[in-house]
Amino acid sequence: MPRTVDHDERRAQLSDALARVAAREGLHAVSMRSVAAEAGVSLRLVQYYFTNKQQLLVGALRRMEEQSNDRWRTRLAEIGRSPVPREILAAFIDEALPTDAPSRDFYMVSAAFSGLASTEPALAAEPLAGGVARLRESVAAAFHEAAGLDQLAPGADPDAEADGLIALCNGLSTAVVIGHHTPERAVDVARYHLDRVLPTAPSR
């Protein structure tokens, strides 16, 4: 009997192929045809699952965001207990910065997508497939929890600190990929900022 096609698996295969092409050659090199070649499938198959390049981009970014969140959750699970806010944010820094191949690819593709979205209203309407808003909610929640536990530095605003940490990680990520900082230095700078606003708190 012929093997039943897993459509989610096929979409994931094509999304992963797009990520590899974009991370290796830049988003300008991505086309339906280049993704088909990278995945080792026909152009017709790519067109069956994604009717245009925009849909393919959004699908790939959504998958990469899910993978990044999974890695963040894995880092937290390795703590072996319920993490305190500072540990949640330290794990976010480790995942948000391009310290390994998956996080570097995610940054490269998302940065290229953001640049393209600046001139394409349809893409701008779905920034990182909604991932930016979800990411901010998670980071802000950790800062608000810290504030509720009286762990934030005096005068610190949880929402402003969340936006500031995300912006800092974005800037440091750019510095890493263009060679101005090593990944290790970027992590040190981000953690230095975190230490100033959220001093080390006792574990639960």
N, C-alpha and C. Protein backbone atom coordinates (compact mmCIF):
# COMPACT_ATOMS: atom_id res chain seq x y z
N MET A 1 0.83 -1.20 0.00
CA MET A 1 0.00 0.00 0.00
C MET A 1 0.87 1.25 0.00
N PRO A 2 0.45 2.30 -0.72
CA PRO A 2 1.24 3.53 -0.72
C PRO A 2 1.24 4.19 0.65
N ARG A 3 2.35 4.84 0.96
CA ARG A 3 2.48 5.48 2.25
C ARG A 3 1.56 6.70 2.33
N THR A 4 0.83 6.83 3.44
CA THR A 4 -0.06 7.98 3.65
C THR A 4 0.78 9.24 3.82
N VAL A 5 0.43 10.29 3.09
CA VAL A 5 1.18 11.54 3.16
C VAL A 5 0.82 12.29 4.43
N ASP A 6 1.83 12.68 5.20
CA ASP A 6 1.64 13.52 6.37
C ASP A 6 1.83 14.97 5.92
N HIS A 7 0.73 15.70 5.79
CA HIS A 7 0.80 17.04 5.23
C HIS A 7 1.57 18.01 6.12
N ASP A 8 1.41 17.85 7.43
CA ASP A 8 2.17 18.72 8.35
C ASP A 8 3.67 18.45 8.21
N GLU A 9 4.01 17.19 8.07
CA GLU A 9 5.42 16.83 7.90
C GLU A 9 5.97 17.40 6.60
N ARG A 10 5.17 17.38 5.56
CA ARG A 10 5.60 17.91 4.27
C ARG A 10 5.79 19.43 4.34
N ARG A 11 4.87 20.12 5.00
CA ARG A 11 5.02 21.56 5.15
C ARG A 11 6.27 21.89 5.97
N ALA A 12 6.52 21.09 7.00
CA ALA A 12 7.70 21.30 7.82
C ALA A 12 8.97 21.10 6.99
N GLN A 13 8.97 20.09 6.13
CA GLN A 13 10.11 19.82 5.26
C GLN A 13 10.41 21.02 4.36
N LEU A 14 9.36 21.60 3.79
CA LEU A 14 9.54 22.74 2.89
C LEU A 14 9.95 23.99 3.67
N SER A 15 9.39 24.17 4.85
CA SER A 15 9.76 25.31 5.68
C SER A 15 11.23 25.23 6.09
N ASP A 16 11.67 24.04 6.44
CA ASP A 16 13.07 23.85 6.82
C ASP A 16 14.00 24.11 5.63
N ALA A 17 13.55 23.73 4.45
CA ALA A 17 14.36 23.97 3.24
C ALA A 17 14.49 25.47 3.00
N LEU A 18 13.40 26.21 3.16
CA LEU A 18 13.47 27.66 2.99
C LEU A 18 14.44 28.27 4.00
N ALA A 19 14.37 27.83 5.25
CA ALA A 19 15.25 28.38 6.28
C ALA A 19 16.71 28.14 5.92
N ARG A 20 17.02 26.97 5.39
CA ARG A 20 18.41 26.68 5.03
C ARG A 20 18.89 27.57 3.90
N VAL A 21 18.05 27.76 2.88
CA VAL A 21 18.42 28.62 1.75
C VAL A 21 18.61 30.06 2.22
N ALA A 22 17.66 30.56 3.01
CA ALA A 22 17.71 31.95 3.46
C ALA A 22 18.90 32.20 4.38
N ALA A 23 19.18 31.26 5.28
CA ALA A 23 20.30 31.43 6.21
C ALA A 23 21.64 31.35 5.48
N ARG A 24 21.69 30.53 4.45
CA ARG A 24 22.94 30.32 3.72
C ARG A 24 23.20 31.39 2.66
N GLU A 25 22.14 31.82 1.96
CA GLU A 25 22.32 32.69 0.81
C GLU A 25 21.59 34.03 0.91
N GLY A 26 20.76 34.19 1.94
CA GLY A 26 19.99 35.42 2.06
C GLY A 26 18.58 35.24 1.52
N LEU A 27 17.67 36.07 2.02
CA LEU A 27 16.27 35.92 1.64
C LEU A 27 16.05 36.22 0.16
N HIS A 28 16.91 37.03 -0.43
CA HIS A 28 16.77 37.34 -1.85
C HIS A 28 16.92 36.10 -2.72
N ALA A 29 17.61 35.08 -2.19
CA ALA A 29 17.84 33.86 -2.97
C ALA A 29 16.68 32.88 -2.87
N VAL A 30 15.73 33.18 -2.00
CA VAL A 30 14.60 32.27 -1.79
C VAL A 30 13.58 32.43 -2.91
N SER A 31 13.20 31.34 -3.51
CA SER A 31 12.11 31.30 -4.48
C SER A 31 11.43 29.95 -4.33
N MET A 32 10.28 29.82 -4.93
CA MET A 32 9.60 28.52 -4.89
C MET A 32 10.50 27.45 -5.50
N ARG A 33 11.22 27.81 -6.55
CA ARG A 33 12.08 26.85 -7.24
C ARG A 33 13.30 26.48 -6.40
N SER A 34 13.91 27.48 -5.73
CA SER A 34 15.09 27.18 -4.92
C SER A 34 14.73 26.33 -3.71
N VAL A 35 13.55 26.55 -3.16
CA VAL A 35 13.09 25.74 -2.03
C VAL A 35 12.83 24.30 -2.49
N ALA A 36 12.24 24.16 -3.65
CA ALA A 36 11.99 22.82 -4.18
C ALA A 36 13.31 22.07 -4.38
N ALA A 37 14.31 22.76 -4.93
CA ALA A 37 15.61 22.13 -5.16
C ALA A 37 16.26 21.74 -3.85
N GLU A 38 16.19 22.63 -2.86
CA GLU A 38 16.80 22.35 -1.55
C GLU A 38 16.13 21.17 -0.87
N ALA A 39 14.80 21.07 -1.00
CA ALA A 39 14.06 19.98 -0.36
C ALA A 39 14.09 18.69 -1.16
N GLY A 40 14.55 18.77 -2.42
CA GLY A 40 14.60 17.58 -3.27
C GLY A 40 13.23 17.14 -3.74
N VAL A 41 12.35 18.11 -3.97
CA VAL A 41 11.00 17.80 -4.44
C VAL A 41 10.70 18.64 -5.68
N SER A 42 9.56 18.41 -6.28
CA SER A 42 9.20 19.14 -7.48
C SER A 42 8.64 20.52 -7.13
N LEU A 43 8.75 21.46 -8.06
CA LEU A 43 8.17 22.78 -7.89
C LEU A 43 6.66 22.66 -7.71
N ARG A 44 6.04 21.75 -8.42
CA ARG A 44 4.59 21.56 -8.32
C ARG A 44 4.18 21.19 -6.88
N LEU A 45 5.02 20.41 -6.21
CA LEU A 45 4.70 20.03 -4.83
C LEU A 45 4.76 21.24 -3.91
N VAL A 46 5.76 22.09 -4.07
CA VAL A 46 5.84 23.30 -3.26
C VAL A 46 4.61 24.16 -3.49
N GLN A 47 4.20 24.29 -4.75
CA GLN A 47 3.04 25.12 -5.08
C GLN A 47 1.74 24.52 -4.55
N TYR A 48 1.72 23.21 -4.35
CA TYR A 48 0.54 22.56 -3.80
C TYR A 48 0.32 23.00 -2.34
N TYR A 49 1.42 23.13 -1.59
CA TYR A 49 1.31 23.46 -0.17
C TYR A 49 1.34 24.97 0.09
N PHE A 50 2.03 25.71 -0.75
CA PHE A 50 2.15 27.16 -0.56
C PHE A 50 1.93 27.82 -1.92
N THR A 51 0.90 28.64 -2.01
CA THR A 51 0.54 29.19 -3.32
C THR A 51 1.49 30.29 -3.79
N ASN A 52 2.23 30.90 -2.86
CA ASN A 52 3.18 31.94 -3.25
C ASN A 52 4.32 32.03 -2.23
N LYS A 53 5.31 32.83 -2.56
CA LYS A 53 6.49 32.98 -1.70
C LYS A 53 6.11 33.56 -0.35
N GLN A 54 5.16 34.48 -0.31
CA GLN A 54 4.75 35.08 0.96
C GLN A 54 4.24 34.03 1.93
N GLN A 55 3.36 33.15 1.46
CA GLN A 55 2.85 32.08 2.33
C GLN A 55 3.98 31.18 2.81
N LEU A 56 4.92 30.91 1.93
CA LEU A 56 6.05 30.06 2.28
C LEU A 56 6.90 30.71 3.36
N LEU A 57 7.13 32.01 3.26
CA LEU A 57 7.91 32.74 4.25
C LEU A 57 7.23 32.72 5.61
N VAL A 58 5.95 33.02 5.63
CA VAL A 58 5.21 33.04 6.89
C VAL A 58 5.20 31.65 7.52
N GLY A 59 5.00 30.62 6.71
CA GLY A 59 5.01 29.26 7.23
C GLY A 59 6.35 28.88 7.83
N ALA A 60 7.43 29.27 7.16
CA ALA A 60 8.77 28.95 7.65
C ALA A 60 9.06 29.69 8.95
N LEU A 61 8.68 30.94 9.03
CA LEU A 61 8.95 31.70 10.24
C LEU A 61 8.13 31.20 11.42
N ARG A 62 6.89 30.79 11.13
CA ARG A 62 6.07 30.24 12.21
C ARG A 62 6.72 28.97 12.76
N ARG A 63 7.23 28.13 11.87
CA ARG A 63 7.88 26.89 12.31
C ARG A 63 9.16 27.20 13.09
N MET A 64 9.96 28.16 12.63
CA MET A 64 11.19 28.50 13.33
C MET A 64 10.89 29.11 14.69
N GLU A 65 9.82 29.88 14.77
CA GLU A 65 9.44 30.44 16.07
C GLU A 65 9.05 29.32 17.03
N GLU A 66 8.28 28.35 16.54
CA GLU A 66 7.88 27.22 17.40
C GLU A 66 9.11 26.44 17.87
N GLN A 67 10.06 26.24 16.98
CA GLN A 67 11.28 25.53 17.34
C GLN A 67 12.08 26.31 18.39
N SER A 68 12.14 27.63 18.22
CA SER A 68 12.85 28.46 19.19
C SER A 68 12.18 28.39 20.56
N ASN A 69 10.85 28.47 20.57
CA ASN A 69 10.12 28.36 21.85
C ASN A 69 10.33 27.00 22.49
N ASP A 70 10.38 25.96 21.66
CA ASP A 70 10.64 24.61 22.19
C ASP A 70 12.02 24.55 22.85
N ARG A 71 13.02 25.18 22.21
CA ARG A 71 14.36 25.18 22.80
C ARG A 71 14.39 25.97 24.10
N TRP A 72 13.64 27.08 24.14
CA TRP A 72 13.55 27.88 25.37
C TRP A 72 12.93 27.03 26.48
N ARG A 73 11.84 26.32 26.17
CA ARG A 73 11.20 25.47 27.17
C ARG A 73 12.13 24.35 27.62
N THR A 74 12.90 23.81 26.70
CA THR A 74 13.85 22.75 27.05
C THR A 74 14.90 23.27 28.03
N ARG A 75 15.40 24.47 27.77
CA ARG A 75 16.38 25.07 28.69
C ARG A 75 15.79 25.20 30.09
N LEU A 76 14.52 25.61 30.16
CA LEU A 76 13.88 25.79 31.45
C LEU A 76 13.61 24.44 32.13
N ALA A 77 13.24 23.44 31.33
CA ALA A 77 12.97 22.12 31.89
C ALA A 77 14.23 21.51 32.50
N GLU A 78 15.38 21.86 31.95
CA GLU A 78 16.64 21.31 32.46
C GLU A 78 16.98 21.82 33.85
N ILE A 79 16.29 22.88 34.29
CA ILE A 79 16.51 23.38 35.65
C ILE A 79 16.02 22.37 36.67
N GLY A 80 14.99 21.61 36.29
CA GLY A 80 14.52 20.53 37.16
C GLY A 80 13.52 20.95 38.20
N ARG A 81 13.07 22.17 38.18
CA ARG A 81 12.07 22.69 39.12
C ARG A 81 11.44 23.91 38.48
N SER A 82 10.48 24.49 39.18
CA SER A 82 9.83 25.69 38.64
C SER A 82 10.84 26.84 38.64
N PRO A 83 11.17 27.40 37.47
CA PRO A 83 12.21 28.44 37.42
C PRO A 83 11.74 29.77 37.98
N VAL A 84 12.66 30.50 38.59
CA VAL A 84 12.37 31.85 39.06
C VAL A 84 12.47 32.80 37.87
N PRO A 85 11.91 34.01 37.97
CA PRO A 85 11.92 34.93 36.82
C PRO A 85 13.30 35.16 36.22
N ARG A 86 14.30 35.32 37.05
CA ARG A 86 15.63 35.58 36.51
C ARG A 86 16.12 34.42 35.66
N GLU A 87 15.81 33.20 36.06
CA GLU A 87 16.21 32.03 35.28
C GLU A 87 15.46 31.98 33.95
N ILE A 88 14.20 32.37 33.97
CA ILE A 88 13.42 32.42 32.73
C ILE A 88 14.05 33.40 31.75
N LEU A 89 14.43 34.57 32.25
CA LEU A 89 15.00 35.60 31.39
C LEU A 89 16.42 35.25 30.95
N ALA A 90 17.18 34.59 31.81
CA ALA A 90 18.52 34.16 31.41
C ALA A 90 18.43 33.12 30.31
N ALA A 91 17.44 32.23 30.40
CA ALA A 91 17.24 31.23 29.35
C ALA A 91 16.79 31.89 28.06
N PHE A 92 15.98 32.96 28.18
CA PHE A 92 15.58 33.71 26.99
C PHE A 92 16.79 34.31 26.29
N ILE A 93 17.70 34.89 27.05
CA ILE A 93 18.91 35.48 26.47
C ILE A 93 19.71 34.42 25.72
N ASP A 94 19.87 33.26 26.33
CA ASP A 94 20.64 32.18 25.69
C ASP A 94 20.02 31.74 24.37
N GLU A 95 18.70 31.77 24.30
CA GLU A 95 18.02 31.36 23.07
C GLU A 95 17.91 32.50 22.06
N ALA A 96 17.70 33.72 22.56
CA ALA A 96 17.47 34.86 21.66
C ALA A 96 18.73 35.26 20.90
N LEU A 97 19.88 35.10 21.51
CA LEU A 97 21.13 35.47 20.85
C LEU A 97 21.62 34.33 19.96
N PRO A 98 22.27 34.65 18.84
CA PRO A 98 22.74 33.61 17.91
C PRO A 98 23.99 32.91 18.41
N THR A 99 23.78 32.02 19.37
CA THR A 99 24.90 31.32 20.00
C THR A 99 25.18 29.95 19.41
N ASP A 100 24.27 29.47 18.55
CA ASP A 100 24.49 28.17 17.90
C ASP A 100 23.81 28.23 16.53
N ALA A 101 23.91 27.16 15.77
CA ALA A 101 23.39 27.16 14.40
C ALA A 101 21.87 27.42 14.34
N PRO A 102 21.04 26.75 15.16
CA PRO A 102 19.59 27.00 15.06
C PRO A 102 19.21 28.44 15.40
N SER A 103 19.79 28.99 16.48
CA SER A 103 19.43 30.36 16.86
C SER A 103 19.99 31.37 15.87
N ARG A 104 21.15 31.07 15.27
CA ARG A 104 21.71 31.96 14.25
C ARG A 104 20.83 31.96 13.00
N ASP A 105 20.40 30.77 12.57
CA ASP A 105 19.54 30.69 11.39
C ASP A 105 18.23 31.43 11.63
N PHE A 106 17.67 31.27 12.82
CA PHE A 106 16.41 31.96 13.14
C PHE A 106 16.60 33.46 13.06
N TYR A 107 17.70 33.96 13.62
CA TYR A 107 17.94 35.39 13.56
C TYR A 107 18.14 35.86 12.12
N MET A 108 18.93 35.14 11.35
CA MET A 108 19.22 35.55 9.98
C MET A 108 17.93 35.63 9.15
N VAL A 109 17.09 34.61 9.29
CA VAL A 109 15.85 34.58 8.50
C VAL A 109 14.86 35.64 8.98
N SER A 110 14.72 35.79 10.30
CA SER A 110 13.76 36.77 10.82
C SER A 110 14.21 38.20 10.51
N ALA A 111 15.52 38.46 10.56
CA ALA A 111 16.03 39.79 10.23
C ALA A 111 15.79 40.11 8.76
N ALA A 112 16.05 39.12 7.90
CA ALA A 112 15.81 39.32 6.48
C ALA A 112 14.33 39.53 6.20
N PHE A 113 13.50 38.77 6.89
CA PHE A 113 12.05 38.92 6.74
C PHE A 113 11.61 40.33 7.16
N SER A 114 12.16 40.83 8.27
CA SER A 114 11.79 42.16 8.75
C SER A 114 12.17 43.22 7.72
N GLY A 115 13.35 43.05 7.11
CA GLY A 115 13.75 44.00 6.08
C GLY A 115 12.82 43.98 4.89
N LEU A 116 12.40 42.79 4.48
CA LEU A 116 11.48 42.68 3.36
C LEU A 116 10.11 43.25 3.72
N ALA A 117 9.69 43.01 4.96
CA ALA A 117 8.37 43.48 5.39
C ALA A 117 8.28 45.00 5.43
N SER A 118 9.44 45.67 5.54
CA SER A 118 9.43 47.13 5.60
C SER A 118 8.94 47.76 4.29
N THR A 119 8.98 46.99 3.21
CA THR A 119 8.51 47.51 1.92
C THR A 119 7.34 46.72 1.36
N GLU A 120 6.87 45.72 2.11
CA GLU A 120 5.75 44.91 1.66
C GLU A 120 4.66 44.91 2.72
N PRO A 121 3.62 45.72 2.55
CA PRO A 121 2.57 45.86 3.57
C PRO A 121 1.93 44.53 3.98
N ALA A 122 1.77 43.62 3.04
CA ALA A 122 1.13 42.34 3.38
C ALA A 122 1.96 41.55 4.36
N LEU A 123 3.28 41.60 4.20
CA LEU A 123 4.16 40.91 5.14
C LEU A 123 4.22 41.66 6.47
N ALA A 124 4.23 42.98 6.41
CA ALA A 124 4.29 43.77 7.64
C ALA A 124 3.08 43.54 8.53
N ALA A 125 1.96 43.18 7.92
CA ALA A 125 0.74 42.94 8.69
C ALA A 125 0.83 41.66 9.51
N GLU A 126 1.82 40.86 9.22
CA GLU A 126 1.99 39.60 9.97
C GLU A 126 3.45 39.46 10.38
N PRO A 127 3.93 40.38 11.25
CA PRO A 127 5.35 40.37 11.61
C PRO A 127 5.76 39.10 12.31
N LEU A 128 6.69 38.38 11.68
CA LEU A 128 7.16 37.09 12.20
C LEU A 128 6.00 36.17 12.54
N ALA A 129 4.97 36.23 11.71
CA ALA A 129 3.79 35.39 11.90
C ALA A 129 3.20 35.53 13.30
N GLY A 130 3.26 36.75 13.86
CA GLY A 130 2.71 37.00 15.19
C GLY A 130 3.67 36.68 16.31
N GLY A 131 4.85 36.21 15.98
CA GLY A 131 5.79 35.78 17.01
C GLY A 131 6.30 36.90 17.89
N VAL A 132 6.44 38.11 17.35
CA VAL A 132 6.95 39.22 18.13
C VAL A 132 6.06 39.50 19.33
N ALA A 133 4.75 39.55 19.10
CA ALA A 133 3.83 39.83 20.19
C ALA A 133 3.85 38.72 21.23
N ARG A 134 3.89 37.47 20.78
CA ARG A 134 3.90 36.35 21.72
C ARG A 134 5.21 36.35 22.52
N LEU A 135 6.30 36.66 21.87
CA LEU A 135 7.59 36.70 22.55
C LEU A 135 7.58 37.78 23.63
N ARG A 136 7.09 38.96 23.28
CA ARG A 136 7.07 40.04 24.26
C ARG A 136 6.21 39.69 25.46
N GLU A 137 5.08 39.04 25.22
CA GLU A 137 4.20 38.65 26.33
C GLU A 137 4.94 37.75 27.32
N SER A 138 5.71 36.80 26.82
CA SER A 138 6.43 35.86 27.68
C SER A 138 7.51 36.58 28.50
N VAL A 139 8.26 37.46 27.83
CA VAL A 139 9.32 38.19 28.52
C VAL A 139 8.73 39.15 29.54
N ALA A 140 7.68 39.87 29.14
CA ALA A 140 7.04 40.81 30.07
C ALA A 140 6.45 40.08 31.27
N ALA A 141 5.89 38.91 31.06
CA ALA A 141 5.31 38.15 32.17
C ALA A 141 6.36 37.81 33.21
N ALA A 142 7.56 37.48 32.76
CA ALA A 142 8.64 37.17 33.70
C ALA A 142 9.03 38.41 34.50
N PHE A 143 9.10 39.56 33.83
CA PHE A 143 9.43 40.79 34.55
C PHE A 143 8.33 41.17 35.53
N HIS A 144 7.07 40.98 35.13
CA HIS A 144 5.96 41.30 36.05
C HIS A 144 5.97 40.36 37.25
N GLU A 145 6.28 39.09 37.02
CA GLU A 145 6.37 38.16 38.15
C GLU A 145 7.48 38.59 39.09
N ALA A 146 8.61 39.02 38.53
CA ALA A 146 9.72 39.50 39.37
C ALA A 146 9.30 40.72 40.18
N ALA A 147 8.53 41.61 39.55
CA ALA A 147 8.06 42.81 40.26
C ALA A 147 7.14 42.41 41.41
N GLY A 148 6.26 41.42 41.16
CA GLY A 148 5.36 40.95 42.20
C GLY A 148 6.09 40.32 43.37
N LEU A 149 7.28 39.77 43.10
CA LEU A 149 8.10 39.16 44.15
C LEU A 149 9.10 40.16 44.75
N ASP A 150 8.97 41.42 44.33
CA ASP A 150 9.85 42.49 44.81
C ASP A 150 11.32 42.19 44.48
N GLN A 151 11.55 41.67 43.27
CA GLN A 151 12.91 41.32 42.86
C GLN A 151 13.50 42.31 41.86
N LEU A 152 12.68 43.22 41.31
CA LEU A 152 13.19 44.20 40.37
C LEU A 152 13.93 45.31 41.11
N ALA A 153 14.90 45.91 40.40
CA ALA A 153 15.60 47.05 40.97
C ALA A 153 14.61 48.19 41.21
N PRO A 154 14.86 49.03 42.22
CA PRO A 154 13.94 50.14 42.52
C PRO A 154 13.70 51.02 41.30
N GLY A 155 12.45 51.34 41.04
CA GLY A 155 12.09 52.22 39.94
C GLY A 155 11.99 51.55 38.59
N ALA A 156 12.32 50.27 38.49
CA ALA A 156 12.27 49.58 37.21
C ALA A 156 10.83 49.31 36.80
N ASP A 157 10.53 49.54 35.53
CA ASP A 157 9.20 49.28 35.00
C ASP A 157 9.22 47.97 34.22
N PRO A 158 8.38 46.99 34.59
CA PRO A 158 8.43 45.66 33.95
C PRO A 158 8.26 45.70 32.44
N ASP A 159 7.30 46.50 31.95
CA ASP A 159 7.07 46.54 30.50
C ASP A 159 8.23 47.20 29.77
N ALA A 160 8.75 48.28 30.32
CA ALA A 160 9.89 48.95 29.69
C ALA A 160 11.12 48.03 29.70
N GLU A 161 11.30 47.29 30.78
CA GLU A 161 12.44 46.38 30.85
C GLU A 161 12.30 45.23 29.84
N ALA A 162 11.07 44.76 29.65
CA ALA A 162 10.85 43.70 28.66
C ALA A 162 11.21 44.20 27.26
N ASP A 163 10.70 45.38 26.91
CA ASP A 163 11.01 45.94 25.59
C ASP A 163 12.51 46.21 25.45
N GLY A 164 13.11 46.70 26.53
CA GLY A 164 14.54 47.00 26.49
C GLY A 164 15.39 45.76 26.30
N LEU A 165 15.05 44.67 26.98
CA LEU A 165 15.84 43.45 26.86
C LEU A 165 15.72 42.85 25.46
N ILE A 166 14.51 42.86 24.91
CA ILE A 166 14.32 42.34 23.55
C ILE A 166 15.11 43.17 22.54
N ALA A 167 15.03 44.51 22.68
CA ALA A 167 15.76 45.39 21.77
C ALA A 167 17.27 45.18 21.92
N LEU A 168 17.73 45.02 23.14
CA LEU A 168 19.16 44.78 23.38
C LEU A 168 19.61 43.49 22.70
N CYS A 169 18.82 42.43 22.85
CA CYS A 169 19.18 41.16 22.23
C CYS A 169 19.17 41.26 20.71
N ASN A 170 18.24 42.03 20.16
CA ASN A 170 18.22 42.21 18.71
C ASN A 170 19.49 42.92 18.24
N GLY A 171 19.87 43.97 18.94
CA GLY A 171 21.07 44.70 18.57
C GLY A 171 22.33 43.86 18.73
N LEU A 172 22.41 43.12 19.82
CA LEU A 172 23.57 42.26 20.04
C LEU A 172 23.64 41.15 18.99
N SER A 173 22.48 40.66 18.58
CA SER A 173 22.45 39.61 17.56
C SER A 173 23.06 40.12 16.25
N THR A 174 22.69 41.34 15.88
CA THR A 174 23.28 41.93 14.69
C THR A 174 24.79 42.05 14.83
N ALA A 175 25.24 42.49 16.00
CA ALA A 175 26.68 42.63 16.23
C ALA A 175 27.40 41.29 16.11
N VAL A 176 26.74 40.22 16.53
CA VAL A 176 27.36 38.89 16.44
C VAL A 176 27.48 38.45 14.99
N VAL A 177 26.41 38.57 14.22
CA VAL A 177 26.43 38.02 12.86
C VAL A 177 27.34 38.81 11.93
N ILE A 178 27.60 40.10 12.25
CA ILE A 178 28.53 40.86 11.40
C ILE A 178 29.94 40.86 11.97
N GLY A 179 30.13 40.13 13.07
CA GLY A 179 31.48 39.93 13.59
C GLY A 179 31.99 40.97 14.56
N HIS A 180 31.13 41.86 15.05
CA HIS A 180 31.57 42.88 16.01
C HIS A 180 31.67 42.34 17.42
N HIS A 181 30.90 41.30 17.71
CA HIS A 181 30.95 40.64 19.02
C HIS A 181 30.99 39.13 18.81
N THR A 182 31.59 38.44 19.75
CA THR A 182 31.46 36.99 19.77
C THR A 182 30.14 36.66 20.45
N PRO A 183 29.59 35.46 20.23
CA PRO A 183 28.37 35.09 20.94
C PRO A 183 28.55 35.17 22.45
N GLU A 184 29.74 34.78 22.93
CA GLU A 184 30.00 34.80 24.37
C GLU A 184 29.94 36.22 24.93
N ARG A 185 30.53 37.16 24.18
CA ARG A 185 30.49 38.56 24.62
C ARG A 185 29.07 39.09 24.62
N ALA A 186 28.29 38.74 23.63
CA ALA A 186 26.91 39.19 23.57
C ALA A 186 26.12 38.68 24.78
N VAL A 187 26.32 37.41 25.12
CA VAL A 187 25.64 36.86 26.30
C VAL A 187 26.07 37.61 27.56
N ASP A 188 27.36 37.89 27.68
CA ASP A 188 27.86 38.61 28.86
C ASP A 188 27.23 39.99 28.97
N VAL A 189 27.11 40.70 27.86
CA VAL A 189 26.52 42.05 27.87
C VAL A 189 25.05 41.98 28.28
N ALA A 190 24.31 41.05 27.69
CA ALA A 190 22.89 40.92 28.01
C ALA A 190 22.69 40.55 29.48
N ARG A 191 23.52 39.65 29.98
CA ARG A 191 23.39 39.25 31.39
C ARG A 191 23.82 40.37 32.33
N TYR A 192 24.78 41.18 31.89
CA TYR A 192 25.17 42.35 32.68
C TYR A 192 23.98 43.28 32.86
N HIS A 193 23.24 43.50 31.77
CA HIS A 193 22.03 44.33 31.85
C HIS A 193 21.02 43.69 32.79
N LEU A 194 20.83 42.38 32.67
CA LEU A 194 19.85 41.69 33.51
C LEU A 194 20.25 41.77 34.98
N ASP A 195 21.55 41.67 35.27
CA ASP A 195 22.02 41.76 36.66
C ASP A 195 21.69 43.12 37.27
N ARG A 196 21.73 44.16 36.45
CA ARG A 196 21.48 45.52 36.97
C ARG A 196 20.01 45.73 37.32
N VAL A 197 19.12 45.15 36.53
CA VAL A 197 17.69 45.38 36.76
C VAL A 197 17.06 44.29 37.61
N LEU A 198 17.67 43.13 37.63
CA LEU A 198 17.09 41.99 38.34
C LEU A 198 18.21 41.23 39.05
N PRO A 199 18.64 41.73 40.20
CA PRO A 199 19.73 41.07 40.92
C PRO A 199 19.40 39.60 41.19
N THR A 200 20.41 38.80 41.32
CA THR A 200 20.21 37.36 41.54
C THR A 200 19.33 37.14 42.75
N ALA A 201 18.28 36.36 42.55
CA ALA A 201 17.32 36.07 43.62
C ALA A 201 17.48 34.63 44.07
N PRO A 202 17.14 34.32 45.33
CA PRO A 202 17.23 32.95 45.79
C PRO A 202 16.33 32.02 44.99
N SER A 203 16.77 30.80 44.77
CA SER A 203 15.95 29.81 44.06
C SER A 203 14.77 29.41 44.91
N ARG A 204 13.69 28.98 44.23
CA ARG A 204 12.51 28.52 44.97
C ARG A 204 12.78 27.15 45.57
